[in-house]
């Protein structure tokens, strides 16, 4: 199953293809294990993930760790302020 998520809810305007967010806007960035559990649960059964990066590096690393553990293909989408568009970065 392929999914398209934002990293964190409510931080930026997202393209229409985004189906939701991995994390709510009320997470605790000091709880790394808890964040990885949330990401793991959200990504259950996912084989390919396009993730719109919305800041908070601790959350991003949690998702990268889970994708690595589960063998999920991951493409990060970064915002380009000069064009107002997103551009991809494959995680290998």
C-alpha atoms as a PDB file:
ATOM      1  CA  UNK A   1       0.000   0.000   0.000  1.00  0.00           C
ATOM      2  CA  UNK A   2       1.267   3.480  -0.892  1.00  0.00           C
ATOM      3  CA  UNK A   3       0.542   6.456   1.377  1.00  0.00           C
ATOM      4  CA  UNK A   4       1.088  10.208   1.186  1.00  0.00           C
ATOM      5  CA  UNK A   5       1.298  11.941   4.562  1.00  0.00           C
ATOM      6  CA  UNK A   6       2.499  15.168   6.102  1.00  0.00           C
ATOM      7  CA  UNK A   7       4.937  14.744   8.961  1.00  0.00           C
ATOM      8  CA  UNK A   8       2.988  16.901  11.464  1.00  0.00           C
ATOM      9  CA  UNK A   9      -0.616  18.047  11.356  1.00  0.00           C
ATOM     10  CA  UNK A  10      -1.542  21.677  10.932  1.00  0.00           C
ATOM     11  CA  UNK A  11       1.919  23.192  10.416  1.00  0.00           C
ATOM     12  CA  UNK A  12       1.643  24.152   6.734  1.00  0.00           C
ATOM     13  CA  UNK A  13      -0.803  24.143   3.847  1.00  0.00           C
ATOM     14  CA  UNK A  14      -0.511  20.739   2.150  1.00  0.00           C
ATOM     15  CA  UNK A  15      -1.154  19.625  -1.444  1.00  0.00           C
ATOM     16  CA  UNK A  16      -4.448  17.822  -2.071  1.00  0.00           C
ATOM     17  CA  UNK A  17      -2.724  14.442  -2.417  1.00  0.00           C
ATOM     18  CA  UNK A  18      -1.787  14.435   1.301  1.00  0.00           C
ATOM     19  CA  UNK A  19      -4.013  11.961   3.167  1.00  0.00           C
ATOM     20  CA  UNK A  20      -3.310  13.145   6.701  1.00  0.00           C
ATOM     21  CA  UNK A  21      -0.334  13.387   9.040  1.00  0.00           C
ATOM     22  CA  UNK A  22       1.855  10.945  10.934  1.00  0.00           C
ATOM     23  CA  UNK A  23       1.836  13.108  14.074  1.00  0.00           C
ATOM     24  CA  UNK A  24      -0.717  15.433  15.632  1.00  0.00           C
ATOM     25  CA  UNK A  25       0.309  18.955  16.556  1.00  0.00           C
ATOM     26  CA  UNK A  26       0.375  18.055  20.284  1.00  0.00           C
ATOM     27  CA  UNK A  27       3.142  15.430  20.389  1.00  0.00           C
ATOM     28  CA  UNK A  28       5.986  15.415  22.897  1.00  0.00           C
ATOM     29  CA  UNK A  29       9.297  15.785  20.992  1.00  0.00           C
ATOM     30  CA  UNK A  30      11.203  14.465  24.030  1.00  0.00           C
ATOM     31  CA  UNK A  31       9.423  11.082  23.845  1.00  0.00           C
ATOM     32  CA  UNK A  32      11.374   9.449  21.038  1.00  0.00           C
ATOM     33  CA  UNK A  33      10.121   5.913  21.789  1.00  0.00           C
ATOM     34  CA  UNK A  34       6.539   7.163  21.852  1.00  0.00           C
ATOM     35  CA  UNK A  35       7.009   8.952  18.547  1.00  0.00           C
ATOM     36  CA  UNK A  36       8.427   5.825  16.934  1.00  0.00           C
ATOM     37  CA  UNK A  37       5.449   3.829  18.263  1.00  0.00           C
ATOM     38  CA  UNK A  38       3.026   6.346  16.742  1.00  0.00           C
ATOM     39  CA  UNK A  39       4.887   6.224  13.417  1.00  0.00           C
ATOM     40  CA  UNK A  40       5.033   2.423  13.480  1.00  0.00           C
ATOM     41  CA  UNK A  41       1.295   2.135  14.119  1.00  0.00           C
ATOM     42  CA  UNK A  42       0.445   4.721  11.436  1.00  0.00           C
ATOM     43  CA  UNK A  43       2.638   2.968   8.863  1.00  0.00           C
ATOM     44  CA  UNK A  44       1.388  -0.575   9.513  1.00  0.00           C
ATOM     45  CA  UNK A  45       0.969  -2.304   6.136  1.00  0.00           C
ATOM     46  CA  UNK A  46       2.525   0.591   4.189  1.00  0.00           C
ATOM     47  CA  UNK A  47       5.122  -0.356   1.570  1.00  0.00           C
ATOM     48  CA  UNK A  48       5.785   3.073   0.053  1.00  0.00           C
ATOM     49  CA  UNK A  49       5.549   6.481   1.734  1.00  0.00           C
ATOM     50  CA  UNK A  50       5.715   9.982   0.316  1.00  0.00           C
ATOM     51  CA  UNK A  51       6.228  12.263   3.314  1.00  0.00           C
ATOM     52  CA  UNK A  52       5.788  16.039   3.212  1.00  0.00           C
ATOM     53  CA  UNK A  53       8.369  17.350   5.668  1.00  0.00           C
ATOM     54  CA  UNK A  54       6.912  20.039   7.924  1.00  0.00           C
ATOM     55  CA  UNK A  55       9.781  20.617  10.315  1.00  0.00           C
ATOM     56  CA  UNK A  56      10.630  19.038  13.670  1.00  0.00           C
ATOM     57  CA  UNK A  57      13.680  16.909  12.935  1.00  0.00           C
ATOM     58  CA  UNK A  58      13.069  14.569  15.887  1.00  0.00           C
ATOM     59  CA  UNK A  59       9.764  13.523  14.313  1.00  0.00           C
ATOM     60  CA  UNK A  60      11.372  13.138  10.890  1.00  0.00           C
ATOM     61  CA  UNK A  61      14.107  10.862  12.243  1.00  0.00           C
ATOM     62  CA  UNK A  62      11.475   8.760  14.050  1.00  0.00           C
ATOM     63  CA  UNK A  63       9.665   8.172  10.739  1.00  0.00           C
ATOM     64  CA  UNK A  64      12.927   7.459   8.881  1.00  0.00           C
ATOM     65  CA  UNK A  65      13.877   4.900  11.569  1.00  0.00           C
ATOM     66  CA  UNK A  66      10.527   3.118  11.273  1.00  0.00           C
ATOM     67  CA  UNK A  67      10.656   3.103   7.462  1.00  0.00           C
ATOM     68  CA  UNK A  68      14.136   1.609   7.657  1.00  0.00           C
ATOM     69  CA  UNK A  69      13.020  -1.067  10.161  1.00  0.00           C
ATOM     70  CA  UNK A  70       9.953  -2.016   8.119  1.00  0.00           C
ATOM     71  CA  UNK A  71      11.575  -1.773   4.676  1.00  0.00           C
ATOM     72  CA  UNK A  72       9.234   1.022   3.573  1.00  0.00           C
ATOM     73  CA  UNK A  73      10.289   2.934   0.459  1.00  0.00           C
ATOM     74  CA  UNK A  74      10.508   6.599   1.509  1.00  0.00           C
ATOM     75  CA  UNK A  75      10.454   9.826  -0.494  1.00  0.00           C
ATOM     76  CA  UNK A  76      10.668  13.096   1.410  1.00  0.00           C
ATOM     77  CA  UNK A  77       9.034  16.194  -0.047  1.00  0.00           C
ATOM     78  CA  UNK A  78      10.743  19.464   0.907  1.00  0.00           C
ATOM     79  CA  UNK A  79       9.311  22.957   0.442  1.00  0.00           C
ATOM     80  CA  UNK A  80      11.149  25.395  -1.837  1.00  0.00           C
ATOM     81  CA  UNK A  81      10.334  28.906  -0.630  1.00  0.00           C
ATOM     82  CA  UNK A  82      11.581  30.505  -3.837  1.00  0.00           C
ATOM     83  CA  UNK A  83       9.098  28.625  -6.060  1.00  0.00           C
ATOM     84  CA  UNK A  84       6.349  27.732  -3.563  1.00  0.00           C
ATOM     85  CA  UNK A  85       6.589  24.097  -4.685  1.00  0.00           C
ATOM     86  CA  UNK A  86       7.809  20.881  -3.123  1.00  0.00           C
ATOM     87  CA  UNK A  87      10.718  18.833  -4.427  1.00  0.00           C
ATOM     88  CA  UNK A  88      11.529  15.147  -3.708  1.00  0.00           C
ATOM     89  CA  UNK A  89      14.433  13.488  -1.943  1.00  0.00           C
ATOM     90  CA  UNK A  90      14.647   9.689  -1.985  1.00  0.00           C
ATOM     91  CA  UNK A  91      15.875   8.042   1.204  1.00  0.00           C
ATOM     92  CA  UNK A  92      17.994   4.996   0.406  1.00  0.00           C
END
